[in-house]
């Protein structure tokens, strides 16, 4: 599963709030059963939860989504299904947000 690929959230409980999951784990770890994902929230729902450096905004088709970096999680790869988009062009912003979570800078 390629890094920065986007997947539809298959969890019925959370998919209304987080319709997409972004795989952020390195491709070098593709043999591991789990992967690290970050949920994406529609921008209209996320405005009160965001810090610009922590939560980059990405565009998918004609809608903006907020990357909820503070909610990253490890999940079983089998949950993800098929990739629906590649967000690698947001690589710098996503790495900066992850660095901010880990180092505070």
PDB file of N, CA and C in Angstrom:
ATOM      1  N   UNK A   1       0.845  -1.173   0.000  1.00  0.00           N
ATOM      2  CA  UNK A   1       0.000   0.000   0.000  1.00  0.00           C
ATOM      3  C   UNK A   1       0.889   1.234   0.000  1.00  0.00           C
ATOM      4  N   UNK A   2       0.800   1.997  -1.023  1.00  0.00           N
ATOM      5  CA  UNK A   2       1.692   3.154  -1.160  1.00  0.00           C
ATOM      6  C   UNK A   2       1.429   4.257  -0.129  1.00  0.00           C
ATOM      7  N   UNK A   3       2.515   4.854   0.312  1.00  0.00           N
ATOM      8  CA  UNK A   3       2.430   5.979   1.233  1.00  0.00           C
ATOM      9  C   UNK A   3       1.684   7.125   0.561  1.00  0.00           C
ATOM     10  N   UNK A   4       0.856   7.794   1.340  1.00  0.00           N
ATOM     11  CA  UNK A   4       0.047   8.942   0.929  1.00  0.00           C
ATOM     12  C   UNK A   4      -1.112   8.573   0.012  1.00  0.00           C
ATOM     13  N   UNK A   5      -1.470   7.287  -0.011  1.00  0.00           N
ATOM     14  CA  UNK A   5      -2.676   6.913  -0.742  1.00  0.00           C
ATOM     15  C   UNK A   5      -3.869   7.017   0.192  1.00  0.00           C
ATOM     16  N   UNK A   6      -4.993   7.341  -0.400  1.00  0.00           N
ATOM     17  CA  UNK A   6      -6.219   7.625   0.325  1.00  0.00           C
ATOM     18  C   UNK A   6      -7.188   6.462   0.156  1.00  0.00           C
ATOM     19  N   UNK A   7      -7.915   6.155   1.228  1.00  0.00           N
ATOM     20  CA  UNK A   7      -8.869   5.045   1.235  1.00  0.00           C
ATOM     21  C   UNK A   7     -10.179   5.509   1.852  1.00  0.00           C
ATOM     22  N   UNK A   8     -11.289   4.968   1.373  1.00  0.00           N
ATOM     23  CA  UNK A   8     -12.575   5.252   2.000  1.00  0.00           C
ATOM     24  C   UNK A   8     -12.613   4.568   3.357  1.00  0.00           C
ATOM     25  N   UNK A   9     -13.175   5.262   4.327  1.00  0.00           N
ATOM     26  CA  UNK A   9     -13.323   4.716   5.672  1.00  0.00           C
ATOM     27  C   UNK A   9     -14.478   3.713   5.662  1.00  0.00           C
ATOM     28  N   UNK A  10     -14.199   2.469   5.980  1.00  0.00           N
ATOM     29  CA  UNK A  10     -15.232   1.427   5.961  1.00  0.00           C
ATOM     30  C   UNK A  10     -15.947   1.269   7.306  1.00  0.00           C
ATOM     31  N   UNK A  11     -15.524   2.016   8.319  1.00  0.00           N
ATOM     32  CA  UNK A  11     -16.133   1.925   9.642  1.00  0.00           C
ATOM     33  C   UNK A  11     -17.432   2.731   9.680  1.00  0.00           C
ATOM     34  N   UNK A  12     -18.556   2.047   9.856  1.00  0.00           N
ATOM     35  CA  UNK A  12     -19.869   2.705   9.844  1.00  0.00           C
ATOM     36  C   UNK A  12     -20.005   3.756  10.942  1.00  0.00           C
ATOM     37  N   UNK A  13     -19.352   3.545  12.062  1.00  0.00           N
ATOM     38  CA  UNK A  13     -19.460   4.454  13.197  1.00  0.00           C
ATOM     39  C   UNK A  13     -18.753   5.784  12.951  1.00  0.00           C
ATOM     40  N   UNK A  14     -17.631   5.759  12.241  1.00  0.00           N
ATOM     41  CA  UNK A  14     -16.818   6.977  12.097  1.00  0.00           C
ATOM     42  C   UNK A  14     -16.808   7.583  10.698  1.00  0.00           C
ATOM     43  N   UNK A  15     -17.330   6.896   9.701  1.00  0.00           N
ATOM     44  CA  UNK A  15     -17.142   7.376   8.328  1.00  0.00           C
ATOM     45  C   UNK A  15     -17.883   8.664   7.982  1.00  0.00           C
ATOM     46  N   UNK A  16     -18.909   9.023   8.738  1.00  0.00           N
ATOM     47  CA  UNK A  16     -19.585  10.294   8.467  1.00  0.00           C
ATOM     48  C   UNK A  16     -18.673  11.467   8.850  1.00  0.00           C
ATOM     49  N   UNK A  17     -17.988  11.329   9.975  1.00  0.00           N
ATOM     50  CA  UNK A  17     -17.056  12.360  10.440  1.00  0.00           C
ATOM     51  C   UNK A  17     -15.733  12.289   9.699  1.00  0.00           C
ATOM     52  N   UNK A  18     -15.262  11.063   9.453  1.00  0.00           N
ATOM     53  CA  UNK A  18     -13.979  10.830   8.786  1.00  0.00           C
ATOM     54  C   UNK A  18     -14.196   9.943   7.556  1.00  0.00           C
ATOM     55  N   UNK A  19     -14.604  10.506   6.438  1.00  0.00           N
ATOM     56  CA  UNK A  19     -14.904   9.677   5.262  1.00  0.00           C
ATOM     57  C   UNK A  19     -13.687   9.028   4.609  1.00  0.00           C
ATOM     58  N   UNK A  20     -12.495   9.558   4.887  1.00  0.00           N
ATOM     59  CA  UNK A  20     -11.284   9.015   4.269  1.00  0.00           C
ATOM     60  C   UNK A  20     -10.198   8.766   5.314  1.00  0.00           C
ATOM     61  N   UNK A  21      -9.340   7.780   5.002  1.00  0.00           N
ATOM     62  CA  UNK A  21      -8.149   7.493   5.797  1.00  0.00           C
ATOM     63  C   UNK A  21      -6.939   7.592   4.883  1.00  0.00           C
ATOM     64  N   UNK A  22      -5.924   8.303   5.337  1.00  0.00           N
ATOM     65  CA  UNK A  22      -4.701   8.507   4.566  1.00  0.00           C
ATOM     66  C   UNK A  22      -3.591   7.637   5.141  1.00  0.00           C
ATOM     67  N   UNK A  23      -3.040   6.751   4.323  1.00  0.00           N
ATOM     68  CA  UNK A  23      -1.937   5.879   4.745  1.00  0.00           C
ATOM     69  C   UNK A  23      -0.649   6.699   4.713  1.00  0.00           C
ATOM     70  N   UNK A  24       0.010   6.829   5.874  1.00  0.00           N
ATOM     71  CA  UNK A  24       1.231   7.638   5.936  1.00  0.00           C
ATOM     72  C   UNK A  24       2.481   6.806   6.190  1.00  0.00           C
ATOM     73  N   UNK A  25       2.319   5.499   6.330  1.00  0.00           N
ATOM     74  CA  UNK A  25       3.464   4.642   6.645  1.00  0.00           C
ATOM     75  C   UNK A  25       4.379   4.466   5.436  1.00  0.00           C
ATOM     76  N   UNK A  26       5.670   4.388   5.693  1.00  0.00           N
ATOM     77  CA  UNK A  26       6.671   4.208   4.641  1.00  0.00           C
ATOM     78  C   UNK A  26       6.425   2.927   3.850  1.00  0.00           C
ATOM     79  N   UNK A  27       6.665   3.003   2.549  1.00  0.00           N
ATOM     80  CA  UNK A  27       6.553   1.834   1.676  1.00  0.00           C
ATOM     81  C   UNK A  27       7.536   0.732   2.075  1.00  0.00           C
ATOM     82  N   UNK A  28       8.624   1.097   2.749  1.00  0.00           N
ATOM     83  CA  UNK A  28       9.614   0.107   3.177  1.00  0.00           C
ATOM     84  C   UNK A  28       9.050  -0.871   4.207  1.00  0.00           C
ATOM     85  N   UNK A  29       7.933  -0.502   4.825  1.00  0.00           N
ATOM     86  CA  UNK A  29       7.317  -1.351   5.846  1.00  0.00           C
ATOM     87  C   UNK A  29       6.058  -2.046   5.327  1.00  0.00           C
ATOM     88  N   UNK A  30       5.983  -2.240   4.040  1.00  0.00           N
ATOM     89  CA  UNK A  30       4.769  -2.802   3.439  1.00  0.00           C
ATOM     90  C   UNK A  30       4.512  -4.259   3.810  1.00  0.00           C
ATOM     91  N   UNK A  31       5.507  -4.960   4.336  1.00  0.00           N
ATOM     92  CA  UNK A  31       5.309  -6.358   4.737  1.00  0.00           C
ATOM     93  C   UNK A  31       4.691  -6.492   6.132  1.00  0.00           C
ATOM     94  N   UNK A  32       4.607  -5.397   6.856  1.00  0.00           N
ATOM     95  CA  UNK A  32       4.000  -5.414   8.190  1.00  0.00           C
ATOM     96  C   UNK A  32       2.477  -5.441   8.027  1.00  0.00           C
ATOM     97  N   UNK A  33       1.803  -6.210   8.883  1.00  0.00           N
ATOM     98  CA  UNK A  33       0.350  -6.368   8.769  1.00  0.00           C
ATOM     99  C   UNK A  33      -0.422  -5.074   9.054  1.00  0.00           C
ATOM    100  N   UNK A  34       0.159  -4.190   9.861  1.00  0.00           N
ATOM    101  CA  UNK A  34      -0.524  -2.946  10.205  1.00  0.00           C
ATOM    102  C   UNK A  34       0.083  -1.775   9.444  1.00  0.00           C
ATOM    103  N   UNK A  35      -0.665  -0.691   9.407  1.00  0.00           N
ATOM    104  CA  UNK A  35      -0.171   0.539   8.806  1.00  0.00           C
ATOM    105  C   UNK A  35      -0.687   1.721   9.622  1.00  0.00           C
ATOM    106  N   UNK A  36      -0.041   2.860   9.476  1.00  0.00           N
ATOM    107  CA  UNK A  36      -0.450   4.064  10.199  1.00  0.00           C
ATOM    108  C   UNK A  36      -1.277   4.931   9.259  1.00  0.00           C
ATOM    109  N   UNK A  37      -2.450   5.337   9.746  1.00  0.00           N
ATOM    110  CA  UNK A  37      -3.339   6.176   8.943  1.00  0.00           C
ATOM    111  C   UNK A  37      -3.692   7.446   9.705  1.00  0.00           C
ATOM    112  N   UNK A  38      -4.074   8.463   8.941  1.00  0.00           N
ATOM    113  CA  UNK A  38      -4.583   9.709   9.494  1.00  0.00           C
ATOM    114  C   UNK A  38      -5.966   9.929   8.887  1.00  0.00           C
ATOM    115  N   UNK A  39      -6.979  10.173   9.719  1.00  0.00           N
ATOM    116  CA  UNK A  39      -8.309  10.414   9.166  1.00  0.00           C
ATOM    117  C   UNK A  39      -8.424  11.819   8.578  1.00  0.00           C
ATOM    118  N   UNK A  40      -9.258  11.930   7.554  1.00  0.00           N
ATOM    119  CA  UNK A  40      -9.565  13.228   6.954  1.00  0.00           C
ATOM    120  C   UNK A  40     -11.008  13.584   7.277  1.00  0.00           C
ATOM    121  N   UNK A  41     -11.217  14.836   7.655  1.00  0.00           N
ATOM    122  CA  UNK A  41     -12.538  15.329   8.029  1.00  0.00           C
ATOM    123  C   UNK A  41     -12.956  16.410   7.035  1.00  0.00           C
ATOM    124  N   UNK A  42     -14.219  16.419   6.606  1.00  0.00           N
ATOM    125  CA  UNK A  42     -14.659  17.510   5.734  1.00  0.00           C
ATOM    126  C   UNK A  42     -14.365  18.855   6.397  1.00  0.00           C
ATOM    127  N   UNK A  43     -13.868  19.781   5.617  1.00  0.00           N
ATOM    128  CA  UNK A  43     -13.466  21.086   6.141  1.00  0.00           C
ATOM    129  C   UNK A  43     -14.586  21.768   6.918  1.00  0.00           C
ATOM    130  N   UNK A  44     -15.805  21.635   6.443  1.00  0.00           N
ATOM    131  CA  UNK A  44     -16.939  22.308   7.093  1.00  0.00           C
ATOM    132  C   UNK A  44     -17.167  21.803   8.521  1.00  0.00           C
ATOM    133  N   UNK A  45     -16.741  20.578   8.816  1.00  0.00           N
ATOM    134  CA  UNK A  45     -16.885  20.021  10.165  1.00  0.00           C
ATOM    135  C   UNK A  45     -15.661  20.281  11.033  1.00  0.00           C
ATOM    136  N   UNK A  46     -14.533  20.527  10.415  1.00  0.00           N
ATOM    137  CA  UNK A  46     -13.256  20.570  11.132  1.00  0.00           C
ATOM    138  C   UNK A  46     -12.818  21.948  11.591  1.00  0.00           C
ATOM    139  N   UNK A  47     -13.461  22.991  11.157  1.00  0.00           N
ATOM    140  CA  UNK A  47     -12.953  24.346  11.396  1.00  0.00           C
ATOM    141  C   UNK A  47     -12.639  24.647  12.856  1.00  0.00           C
ATOM    142  N   UNK A  48     -13.454  24.184  13.787  1.00  0.00           N
ATOM    143  CA  UNK A  48     -13.206  24.500  15.199  1.00  0.00           C
ATOM    144  C   UNK A  48     -12.138  23.607  15.834  1.00  0.00           C
ATOM    145  N   UNK A  49     -11.686  22.576  15.121  1.00  0.00           N
ATOM    146  CA  UNK A  49     -10.703  21.635  15.659  1.00  0.00           C
ATOM    147  C   UNK A  49      -9.292  21.864  15.133  1.00  0.00           C
ATOM    148  N   UNK A  50      -9.085  22.831  14.288  1.00  0.00           N
ATOM    149  CA  UNK A  50      -7.833  22.874  13.540  1.00  0.00           C
ATOM    150  C   UNK A  50      -6.813  23.880  14.050  1.00  0.00           C
ATOM    151  N   UNK A  51      -5.566  23.495  13.853  1.00  0.00           N
ATOM    152  CA  UNK A  51      -4.401  24.351  14.023  1.00  0.00           C
ATOM    153  C   UNK A  51      -3.692  24.264  12.676  1.00  0.00           C
ATOM    154  N   UNK A  52      -3.449  25.371  12.028  1.00  0.00           N
ATOM    155  CA  UNK A  52      -2.991  25.342  10.631  1.00  0.00           C
ATOM    156  C   UNK A  52      -1.766  24.459  10.390  1.00  0.00           C
ATOM    157  N   UNK A  53      -0.782  24.502  11.264  1.00  0.00           N
ATOM    158  CA  UNK A  53       0.427  23.696  11.055  1.00  0.00           C
ATOM    159  C   UNK A  53       0.176  22.208  11.313  1.00  0.00           C
ATOM    160  N   UNK A  54      -0.756  21.914  12.195  1.00  0.00           N
ATOM    161  CA  UNK A  54      -1.081  20.542  12.566  1.00  0.00           C
ATOM    162  C   UNK A  54      -2.057  19.890  11.592  1.00  0.00           C
ATOM    163  N   UNK A  55      -2.920  20.701  10.999  1.00  0.00           N
ATOM    164  CA  UNK A  55      -4.020  20.180  10.193  1.00  0.00           C
ATOM    165  C   UNK A  55      -4.047  20.779   8.791  1.00  0.00           C
ATOM    166  N   UNK A  56      -3.193  20.274   7.897  1.00  0.00           N
ATOM    167  CA  UNK A  56      -3.229  20.796   6.532  1.00  0.00           C
ATOM    168  C   UNK A  56      -4.567  20.491   5.857  1.00  0.00           C
ATOM    169  N   UNK A  57      -4.917  21.338   4.927  1.00  0.00           N
ATOM    170  CA  UNK A  57      -6.150  21.160   4.154  1.00  0.00           C
ATOM    171  C   UNK A  57      -5.779  20.629   2.780  1.00  0.00           C
ATOM    172  N   UNK A  58      -6.493  19.593   2.351  1.00  0.00           N
ATOM    173  CA  UNK A  58      -6.261  18.987   1.040  1.00  0.00           C
ATOM    174  C   UNK A  58      -7.559  19.037   0.241  1.00  0.00           C
ATOM    175  N   UNK A  59      -7.414  19.019  -1.056  1.00  0.00           N
ATOM    176  CA  UNK A  59      -8.594  19.024  -1.919  1.00  0.00           C
ATOM    177  C   UNK A  59      -8.731  17.666  -2.591  1.00  0.00           C
ATOM    178  N   UNK A  60      -9.939  17.110  -2.498  1.00  0.00           N
ATOM    179  CA  UNK A  60     -10.268  15.846  -3.150  1.00  0.00           C
ATOM    180  C   UNK A  60     -11.490  16.116  -4.005  1.00  0.00           C
ATOM    181  N   UNK A  61     -11.292  16.000  -5.304  1.00  0.00           N
ATOM    182  CA  UNK A  61     -12.315  16.384  -6.281  1.00  0.00           C
ATOM    183  C   UNK A  61     -12.650  17.846  -6.031  1.00  0.00           C
ATOM    184  N   UNK A  62     -13.892  18.178  -5.702  1.00  0.00           N
ATOM    185  CA  UNK A  62     -14.263  19.582  -5.497  1.00  0.00           C
ATOM    186  C   UNK A  62     -14.494  19.930  -4.035  1.00  0.00           C
ATOM    187  N   UNK A  63     -14.030  19.085  -3.129  1.00  0.00           N
ATOM    188  CA  UNK A  63     -14.267  19.316  -1.707  1.00  0.00           C
ATOM    189  C   UNK A  63     -12.950  19.384  -0.935  1.00  0.00           C
ATOM    190  N   UNK A  64     -12.925  20.265   0.067  1.00  0.00           N
ATOM    191  CA  UNK A  64     -11.741  20.395   0.916  1.00  0.00           C
ATOM    192  C   UNK A  64     -11.912  19.554   2.177  1.00  0.00           C
ATOM    193  N   UNK A  65     -10.795  18.921   2.572  1.00  0.00           N
ATOM    194  CA  UNK A  65     -10.767  18.080   3.762  1.00  0.00           C
ATOM    195  C   UNK A  65      -9.590  18.490   4.634  1.00  0.00           C
ATOM    196  N   UNK A  66      -9.760  18.343   5.937  1.00  0.00           N
ATOM    197  CA  UNK A  66      -8.712  18.643   6.893  1.00  0.00           C
ATOM    198  C   UNK A  66      -8.055  17.345   7.339  1.00  0.00           C
ATOM    199  N   UNK A  67      -6.734  17.319   7.287  1.00  0.00           N
ATOM    200  CA  UNK A  67      -5.969  16.162   7.741  1.00  0.00           C
ATOM    201  C   UNK A  67      -5.883  16.254   9.268  1.00  0.00           C
ATOM    202  N   UNK A  68      -6.504  15.304   9.954  1.00  0.00           N
ATOM    203  CA  UNK A  68      -6.579  15.324  11.419  1.00  0.00           C
ATOM    204  C   UNK A  68      -5.387  14.562  12.005  1.00  0.00           C
ATOM    205  N   UNK A  69      -4.221  15.158  11.867  1.00  0.00           N
ATOM    206  CA  UNK A  69      -2.955  14.518  12.225  1.00  0.00           C
ATOM    207  C   UNK A  69      -2.930  14.042  13.673  1.00  0.00           C
ATOM    208  N   UNK A  70      -3.544  14.784  14.567  1.00  0.00           N
ATOM    209  CA  UNK A  70      -3.545  14.415  15.983  1.00  0.00           C
ATOM    210  C   UNK A  70      -4.329  13.129  16.256  1.00  0.00           C
ATOM    211  N   UNK A  71      -5.071  12.637  15.266  1.00  0.00           N
ATOM    212  CA  UNK A  71      -5.859  11.412  15.424  1.00  0.00           C
ATOM    213  C   UNK A  71      -5.254  10.221  14.689  1.00  0.00           C
ATOM    214  N   UNK A  72      -3.957  10.276  14.392  1.00  0.00           N
ATOM    215  CA  UNK A  72      -3.353   9.153  13.663  1.00  0.00           C
ATOM    216  C   UNK A  72      -3.474   7.872  14.471  1.00  0.00           C
ATOM    217  N   UNK A  73      -3.550   6.746  13.744  1.00  0.00           N
ATOM    218  CA  UNK A  73      -3.755   5.449  14.395  1.00  0.00           C
ATOM    219  C   UNK A  73      -3.143   4.331  13.570  1.00  0.00           C
ATOM    220  N   UNK A  74      -2.839   3.241  14.233  1.00  0.00           N
ATOM    221  CA  UNK A  74      -2.390   2.038  13.546  1.00  0.00           C
ATOM    222  C   UNK A  74      -3.577   1.114  13.336  1.00  0.00           C
ATOM    223  N   UNK A  75      -3.729   0.605  12.113  1.00  0.00           N
ATOM    224  CA  UNK A  75      -4.835  -0.308  11.816  1.00  0.00           C
ATOM    225  C   UNK A  75      -4.330  -1.467  10.958  1.00  0.00           C
ATOM    226  N   UNK A  76      -5.112  -2.512  10.888  1.00  0.00           N
ATOM    227  CA  UNK A  76      -4.805  -3.646  10.028  1.00  0.00           C
ATOM    228  C   UNK A  76      -4.992  -3.224   8.570  1.00  0.00           C
ATOM    229  N   UNK A  77      -4.047  -3.539   7.724  1.00  0.00           N
ATOM    230  CA  UNK A  77      -4.110  -3.163   6.310  1.00  0.00           C
ATOM    231  C   UNK A  77      -5.353  -3.693   5.600  1.00  0.00           C
ATOM    232  N   UNK A  78      -5.847  -4.840   6.038  1.00  0.00           N
ATOM    233  CA  UNK A  78      -7.006  -5.449   5.389  1.00  0.00           C
ATOM    234  C   UNK A  78      -8.256  -4.584   5.462  1.00  0.00           C
ATOM    235  N   UNK A  79      -8.296  -3.672   6.402  1.00  0.00           N
ATOM    236  CA  UNK A  79      -9.451  -2.790   6.573  1.00  0.00           C
ATOM    237  C   UNK A  79      -9.544  -1.767   5.439  1.00  0.00           C
ATOM    238  N   UNK A  80      -8.428  -1.428   4.825  1.00  0.00           N
ATOM    239  CA  UNK A  80      -8.389  -0.299   3.897  1.00  0.00           C
ATOM    240  C   UNK A  80      -9.047  -0.528   2.539  1.00  0.00           C
ATOM    241  N   UNK A  81      -8.941  -1.674   1.971  1.00  0.00           N
ATOM    242  CA  UNK A  81      -9.534  -1.887   0.649  1.00  0.00           C
ATOM    243  C   UNK A  81      -8.711  -1.244  -0.453  1.00  0.00           C
ATOM    244  N   UNK A  82      -9.403  -0.727  -1.474  1.00  0.00           N
ATOM    245  CA  UNK A  82      -8.744  -0.145  -2.646  1.00  0.00           C
ATOM    246  C   UNK A  82      -8.442   1.342  -2.457  1.00  0.00           C
ATOM    247  N   UNK A  83      -7.303   1.762  -2.959  1.00  0.00           N
ATOM    248  CA  UNK A  83      -6.928   3.178  -2.945  1.00  0.00           C
ATOM    249  C   UNK A  83      -7.870   3.965  -3.855  1.00  0.00           C
ATOM    250  N   UNK A  84      -8.294   5.153  -3.384  1.00  0.00           N
ATOM    251  CA  UNK A  84      -9.182   5.991  -4.189  1.00  0.00           C
ATOM    252  C   UNK A  84      -8.508   7.266  -4.683  1.00  0.00           C
ATOM    253  N   UNK A  85      -7.318   7.572  -4.149  1.00  0.00           N
ATOM    254  CA  UNK A  85      -6.625   8.789  -4.573  1.00  0.00           C
ATOM    255  C   UNK A  85      -5.182   8.743  -4.058  1.00  0.00           C
ATOM    256  N   UNK A  86      -4.340   9.540  -4.670  1.00  0.00           N
ATOM    257  CA  UNK A  86      -2.938   9.668  -4.273  1.00  0.00           C
ATOM    258  C   UNK A  86      -2.714  11.111  -3.840  1.00  0.00           C
ATOM    259  N   UNK A  87      -2.361  11.313  -2.584  1.00  0.00           N
ATOM    260  CA  UNK A  87      -2.142  12.667  -2.061  1.00  0.00           C
ATOM    261  C   UNK A  87      -0.666  12.974  -1.856  1.00  0.00           C
ATOM    262  N   UNK A  88       0.204  12.295  -2.585  1.00  0.00           N
ATOM    263  CA  UNK A  88       1.646  12.508  -2.407  1.00  0.00           C
ATOM    264  C   UNK A  88       2.073  13.929  -2.764  1.00  0.00           C
ATOM    265  N   UNK A  89       1.281  14.657  -3.524  1.00  0.00           N
ATOM    266  CA  UNK A  89       1.628  16.054  -3.824  1.00  0.00           C
ATOM    267  C   UNK A  89       1.464  16.955  -2.587  1.00  0.00           C
ATOM    268  N   UNK A  90       0.869  16.433  -1.510  1.00  0.00           N
ATOM    269  CA  UNK A  90       0.772  17.149  -0.234  1.00  0.00           C
ATOM    270  C   UNK A  90       1.815  16.646   0.769  1.00  0.00           C
ATOM    271  N   UNK A  91       2.779  15.904   0.292  1.00  0.00           N
ATOM    272  CA  UNK A  91       3.791  15.258   1.127  1.00  0.00           C
ATOM    273  C   UNK A  91       4.448  16.223   2.130  1.00  0.00           C
ATOM    274  N   UNK A  92       4.900  17.365   1.673  1.00  0.00           N
ATOM    275  CA  UNK A  92       5.597  18.320   2.554  1.00  0.00           C
ATOM    276  C   UNK A  92       4.711  18.791   3.698  1.00  0.00           C
ATOM    277  N   UNK A  93       3.465  19.135   3.395  1.00  0.00           N
ATOM    278  CA  UNK A  93       2.541  19.615   4.419  1.00  0.00           C
ATOM    279  C   UNK A  93       2.212  18.520   5.432  1.00  0.00           C
ATOM    280  N   UNK A  94       2.044  17.295   4.937  1.00  0.00           N
ATOM    281  CA  UNK A  94       1.706  16.181   5.822  1.00  0.00           C
ATOM    282  C   UNK A  94       2.886  15.842   6.729  1.00  0.00           C
ATOM    283  N   UNK A  95       4.093  15.778   6.173  1.00  0.00           N
ATOM    284  CA  UNK A  95       5.276  15.512   7.000  1.00  0.00           C
ATOM    285  C   UNK A  95       5.492  16.618   8.035  1.00  0.00           C
ATOM    286  N   UNK A  96       5.254  17.859   7.660  1.00  0.00           N
ATOM    287  CA  UNK A  96       5.395  18.966   8.613  1.00  0.00           C
ATOM    288  C   UNK A  96       4.402  18.812   9.765  1.00  0.00           C
ATOM    289  N   UNK A  97       3.190  18.378   9.464  1.00  0.00           N
ATOM    290  CA  UNK A  97       2.175  18.177  10.503  1.00  0.00           C
ATOM    291  C   UNK A  97       2.560  17.028  11.434  1.00  0.00           C
ATOM    292  N   UNK A  98       3.078  15.939  10.870  1.00  0.00           N
ATOM    293  CA  UNK A  98       3.519  14.802  11.689  1.00  0.00           C
ATOM    294  C   UNK A  98       4.689  15.223  12.579  1.00  0.00           C
ATOM    295  N   UNK A  99       5.618  15.975  12.021  1.00  0.00           N
ATOM    296  CA  UNK A  99       6.752  16.477  12.796  1.00  0.00           C
ATOM    297  C   UNK A  99       6.269  17.374  13.938  1.00  0.00           C
ATOM    298  N   UNK A 100       5.251  18.178  13.668  1.00  0.00           N
ATOM    299  CA  UNK A 100       4.691  19.060  14.691  1.00  0.00           C
ATOM    300  C   UNK A 100       4.087  18.247  15.838  1.00  0.00           C
ATOM    301  N   UNK A 101       3.412  17.142  15.522  1.00  0.00           N
ATOM    302  CA  UNK A 101       2.855  16.264  16.557  1.00  0.00           C
ATOM    303  C   UNK A 101       3.970  15.678  17.421  1.00  0.00           C
ATOM    304  N   UNK A 102       5.045  15.253  16.785  1.00  0.00           N
ATOM    305  CA  UNK A 102       6.119  14.564  17.502  1.00  0.00           C
ATOM    306  C   UNK A 102       7.086  15.494  18.224  1.00  0.00           C
ATOM    307  N   UNK A 103       7.389  16.637  17.614  1.00  0.00           N
ATOM    308  CA  UNK A 103       8.418  17.509  18.193  1.00  0.00           C
ATOM    309  C   UNK A 103       7.888  18.845  18.712  1.00  0.00           C
ATOM    310  N   UNK A 104       6.687  19.204  18.294  1.00  0.00           N
ATOM    311  CA  UNK A 104       6.135  20.491  18.709  1.00  0.00           C
ATOM    312  C   UNK A 104       6.692  21.671  17.934  1.00  0.00           C
ATOM    313  N   UNK A 105       7.482  21.384  16.904  1.00  0.00           N
ATOM    314  CA  UNK A 105       8.073  22.457  16.103  1.00  0.00           C
ATOM    315  C   UNK A 105       7.510  22.410  14.698  1.00  0.00           C
TER     316      UNK A 105
END
